[in-house]
Amino acid sequence: MSAPKSALTVAQVAERLGTRPHTVTAWIKSGELRAIDISQSAGGRPTWRIMPEDLDAFIERRTHQAAPKRTRRKKRSNIKEFF
């Protein structure tokens, strides 16, 4: 079984995200990042491939957008002035 040509290796994903390969592997093992194991033997060392759409979904989930600025409400006072 072989991965499609567009699939990315752990090293390629690490380079794109500016991180180390073992960090990408940790994301795969934790279930945060979907990957396909294309290794020949079931019990051996995994050979991971990441599909571009899975990488895009991972990046989208981890993208932080700043919350809109909250406006302060005016303090209301119970004092009424009668002039």
N, C-alpha and C. Protein backbone atom coordinates (compact mmCIF):
# COMPACT_ATOMS: atom_id res chain seq x y z
N MET A 1 0.85 -1.18 0.00
CA MET A 1 0.00 0.00 0.00
C MET A 1 0.89 1.24 0.00
N SER A 2 0.61 2.17 -0.83
CA SER A 2 1.40 3.40 -0.87
C SER A 2 0.48 4.60 -0.75
N ALA A 3 1.02 5.66 -0.21
CA ALA A 3 0.25 6.89 -0.01
C ALA A 3 0.16 7.64 -1.33
N PRO A 4 -0.89 8.43 -1.49
CA PRO A 4 -0.99 9.27 -2.69
C PRO A 4 0.19 10.23 -2.77
N LYS A 5 0.50 10.65 -3.98
CA LYS A 5 1.66 11.52 -4.19
C LYS A 5 1.55 12.85 -3.46
N SER A 6 0.33 13.30 -3.16
CA SER A 6 0.18 14.59 -2.50
C SER A 6 0.35 14.51 -0.98
N ALA A 7 0.46 13.29 -0.44
CA ALA A 7 0.62 13.13 1.00
C ALA A 7 1.97 13.68 1.45
N LEU A 8 1.99 14.24 2.65
CA LEU A 8 3.20 14.87 3.19
C LEU A 8 3.85 13.97 4.24
N THR A 9 5.16 14.03 4.34
CA THR A 9 5.87 13.30 5.38
C THR A 9 5.86 14.11 6.66
N VAL A 10 6.26 13.46 7.74
CA VAL A 10 6.35 14.15 9.02
C VAL A 10 7.37 15.29 8.92
N ALA A 11 8.47 15.05 8.25
CA ALA A 11 9.51 16.08 8.09
C ALA A 11 8.99 17.28 7.30
N GLN A 12 8.21 17.03 6.25
CA GLN A 12 7.66 18.13 5.45
C GLN A 12 6.68 18.96 6.26
N VAL A 13 5.84 18.30 7.06
CA VAL A 13 4.88 19.03 7.90
C VAL A 13 5.63 19.85 8.94
N ALA A 14 6.65 19.25 9.55
CA ALA A 14 7.44 19.97 10.55
C ALA A 14 8.09 21.21 9.94
N GLU A 15 8.60 21.08 8.73
CA GLU A 15 9.24 22.23 8.06
C GLU A 15 8.21 23.32 7.76
N ARG A 16 7.04 22.93 7.29
CA ARG A 16 6.00 23.91 6.97
C ARG A 16 5.54 24.67 8.21
N LEU A 17 5.46 23.96 9.34
CA LEU A 17 4.96 24.59 10.56
C LEU A 17 6.05 25.19 11.42
N GLY A 18 7.29 24.99 11.02
CA GLY A 18 8.42 25.56 11.78
C GLY A 18 8.62 24.88 13.12
N THR A 19 8.43 23.57 13.15
CA THR A 19 8.59 22.81 14.38
C THR A 19 9.46 21.59 14.09
N ARG A 20 9.62 20.73 15.07
CA ARG A 20 10.46 19.54 14.91
C ARG A 20 9.61 18.32 14.58
N PRO A 21 10.19 17.35 13.90
CA PRO A 21 9.44 16.15 13.54
C PRO A 21 8.83 15.40 14.74
N HIS A 22 9.54 15.37 15.87
CA HIS A 22 8.97 14.64 17.01
C HIS A 22 7.73 15.34 17.57
N THR A 23 7.61 16.65 17.36
CA THR A 23 6.40 17.36 17.77
C THR A 23 5.23 16.94 16.89
N VAL A 24 5.47 16.82 15.59
CA VAL A 24 4.42 16.38 14.66
C VAL A 24 4.00 14.95 15.02
N THR A 25 4.97 14.10 15.30
CA THR A 25 4.65 12.72 15.70
C THR A 25 3.82 12.70 16.98
N ALA A 26 4.12 13.57 17.92
CA ALA A 26 3.34 13.64 19.17
C ALA A 26 1.90 14.06 18.87
N TRP A 27 1.70 15.00 17.95
CA TRP A 27 0.34 15.41 17.56
C TRP A 27 -0.41 14.25 16.94
N ILE A 28 0.29 13.43 16.14
CA ILE A 28 -0.34 12.27 15.51
C ILE A 28 -0.74 11.26 16.57
N LYS A 29 0.17 10.96 17.50
CA LYS A 29 -0.11 9.97 18.55
C LYS A 29 -1.21 10.42 19.49
N SER A 30 -1.34 11.74 19.71
CA SER A 30 -2.38 12.24 20.60
C SER A 30 -3.74 12.32 19.90
N GLY A 31 -3.75 12.18 18.58
CA GLY A 31 -5.00 12.24 17.83
C GLY A 31 -5.35 13.62 17.32
N GLU A 32 -4.51 14.60 17.58
CA GLU A 32 -4.77 15.97 17.11
C GLU A 32 -4.61 16.10 15.61
N LEU A 33 -3.68 15.36 15.04
CA LEU A 33 -3.37 15.43 13.62
C LEU A 33 -3.60 14.06 13.01
N ARG A 34 -4.47 13.99 12.02
CA ARG A 34 -4.75 12.71 11.34
C ARG A 34 -3.59 12.37 10.43
N ALA A 35 -3.24 11.08 10.40
CA ALA A 35 -2.16 10.60 9.55
C ALA A 35 -2.42 9.16 9.16
N ILE A 36 -1.77 8.72 8.10
CA ILE A 36 -1.88 7.36 7.60
C ILE A 36 -0.55 6.66 7.85
N ASP A 37 -0.61 5.45 8.41
CA ASP A 37 0.60 4.66 8.62
C ASP A 37 0.79 3.78 7.39
N ILE A 38 1.85 4.01 6.62
CA ILE A 38 2.08 3.24 5.40
C ILE A 38 3.20 2.22 5.56
N SER A 39 3.56 1.90 6.81
CA SER A 39 4.64 0.93 7.02
C SER A 39 4.22 -0.45 6.51
N GLN A 40 5.21 -1.26 6.17
CA GLN A 40 4.96 -2.57 5.58
C GLN A 40 4.48 -3.60 6.61
N SER A 41 5.02 -3.53 7.83
CA SER A 41 4.63 -4.51 8.86
C SER A 41 3.78 -3.82 9.92
N ALA A 42 2.82 -4.58 10.42
CA ALA A 42 1.87 -4.01 11.38
C ALA A 42 2.51 -3.67 12.72
N GLY A 43 3.46 -4.44 13.18
CA GLY A 43 4.05 -4.21 14.49
C GLY A 43 5.31 -3.38 14.48
N GLY A 44 5.75 -2.97 13.32
CA GLY A 44 7.01 -2.25 13.20
C GLY A 44 6.87 -0.76 13.44
N ARG A 45 7.94 -0.07 13.11
CA ARG A 45 7.97 1.37 13.26
C ARG A 45 7.03 2.03 12.25
N PRO A 46 6.15 2.93 12.71
CA PRO A 46 5.20 3.55 11.78
C PRO A 46 5.89 4.52 10.81
N THR A 47 5.37 4.55 9.60
CA THR A 47 5.80 5.51 8.59
C THR A 47 4.57 6.36 8.28
N TRP A 48 4.56 7.57 8.78
CA TRP A 48 3.36 8.41 8.70
C TRP A 48 3.34 9.25 7.43
N ARG A 49 2.12 9.44 6.89
CA ARG A 49 1.87 10.37 5.81
C ARG A 49 0.63 11.18 6.19
N ILE A 50 0.72 12.47 5.94
CA ILE A 50 -0.37 13.39 6.30
C ILE A 50 -0.95 13.96 5.02
N MET A 51 -2.26 13.88 4.89
CA MET A 51 -2.94 14.44 3.73
C MET A 51 -3.04 15.95 3.91
N PRO A 52 -2.89 16.72 2.82
CA PRO A 52 -2.95 18.18 2.93
C PRO A 52 -4.24 18.70 3.57
N GLU A 53 -5.37 18.06 3.29
CA GLU A 53 -6.63 18.53 3.89
C GLU A 53 -6.66 18.27 5.39
N ASP A 54 -5.99 17.20 5.86
CA ASP A 54 -5.91 16.95 7.30
C ASP A 54 -5.01 17.98 7.97
N LEU A 55 -3.94 18.37 7.29
CA LEU A 55 -3.06 19.41 7.82
C LEU A 55 -3.80 20.75 7.88
N ASP A 56 -4.56 21.07 6.83
CA ASP A 56 -5.34 22.31 6.82
C ASP A 56 -6.35 22.34 7.96
N ALA A 57 -7.03 21.21 8.20
CA ALA A 57 -8.01 21.13 9.29
C ALA A 57 -7.33 21.30 10.64
N PHE A 58 -6.15 20.72 10.81
CA PHE A 58 -5.39 20.85 12.04
C PHE A 58 -5.01 22.31 12.29
N ILE A 59 -4.53 22.97 11.24
CA ILE A 59 -4.14 24.38 11.36
C ILE A 59 -5.36 25.24 11.69
N GLU A 60 -6.47 24.96 11.05
CA GLU A 60 -7.70 25.72 11.30
C GLU A 60 -8.15 25.58 12.76
N ARG A 61 -8.08 24.36 13.29
CA ARG A 61 -8.48 24.13 14.69
C ARG A 61 -7.56 24.87 15.66
N ARG A 62 -6.31 25.00 15.31
CA ARG A 62 -5.35 25.62 16.21
C ARG A 62 -5.15 27.11 15.98
N THR A 63 -5.82 27.67 14.98
CA THR A 63 -5.70 29.09 14.69
C THR A 63 -6.50 29.88 15.72
N HIS A 64 -5.87 30.85 16.29
CA HIS A 64 -6.51 31.69 17.32
C HIS A 64 -6.88 33.03 16.70
N GLN A 65 -8.10 33.42 16.94
CA GLN A 65 -8.52 34.74 16.50
C GLN A 65 -8.79 35.57 17.74
N ALA A 66 -8.28 36.75 17.74
CA ALA A 66 -8.47 37.63 18.90
C ALA A 66 -9.95 37.95 19.06
N ALA A 67 -10.37 37.98 20.29
CA ALA A 67 -11.76 38.33 20.58
C ALA A 67 -11.98 39.81 20.27
N PRO A 68 -13.17 40.16 19.83
CA PRO A 68 -13.43 41.57 19.55
C PRO A 68 -13.30 42.40 20.82
N LYS A 69 -12.85 43.63 20.66
CA LYS A 69 -12.67 44.51 21.81
C LYS A 69 -14.01 44.81 22.44
N ARG A 70 -14.02 44.71 23.75
CA ARG A 70 -15.25 45.03 24.47
C ARG A 70 -15.27 46.50 24.80
N THR A 71 -16.43 47.09 24.68
CA THR A 71 -16.56 48.50 25.04
C THR A 71 -17.03 48.58 26.49
N ARG A 72 -16.54 49.57 27.17
CA ARG A 72 -16.93 49.75 28.57
C ARG A 72 -18.27 50.45 28.66
N ARG A 73 -19.05 49.98 29.57
CA ARG A 73 -20.34 50.63 29.79
C ARG A 73 -20.15 51.81 30.72
N LYS A 74 -20.97 52.82 30.52
CA LYS A 74 -20.93 53.97 31.40
C LYS A 74 -21.51 53.57 32.74
N LYS A 75 -20.89 54.06 33.80
CA LYS A 75 -21.44 53.81 35.12
C LYS A 75 -22.67 54.66 35.32
N ARG A 76 -23.68 54.05 35.80
CA ARG A 76 -24.90 54.79 36.08
C ARG A 76 -24.93 55.13 37.55
N SER A 77 -25.23 56.34 37.83
CA SER A 77 -25.33 56.72 39.24
C SER A 77 -26.80 56.97 39.56
N ASN A 78 -27.13 56.75 40.77
CA ASN A 78 -28.51 56.95 41.23
C ASN A 78 -28.75 58.38 41.75
N ILE A 79 -27.74 59.22 41.66
CA ILE A 79 -27.86 60.58 42.14
C ILE A 79 -28.47 61.44 41.04
N LYS A 80 -29.52 62.12 41.37
CA LYS A 80 -30.15 63.00 40.39
C LYS A 80 -29.90 64.44 40.80
N GLU A 81 -29.51 65.23 39.85
CA GLU A 81 -29.24 66.62 40.13
C GLU A 81 -30.43 67.45 39.69
N PHE A 82 -30.87 68.33 40.58
CA PHE A 82 -32.00 69.22 40.29
C PHE A 82 -31.54 70.66 40.36
N PHE A 83 -31.03 71.20 39.33
CA PHE A 83 -30.61 72.59 39.28
C PHE A 83 -31.39 73.31 38.23
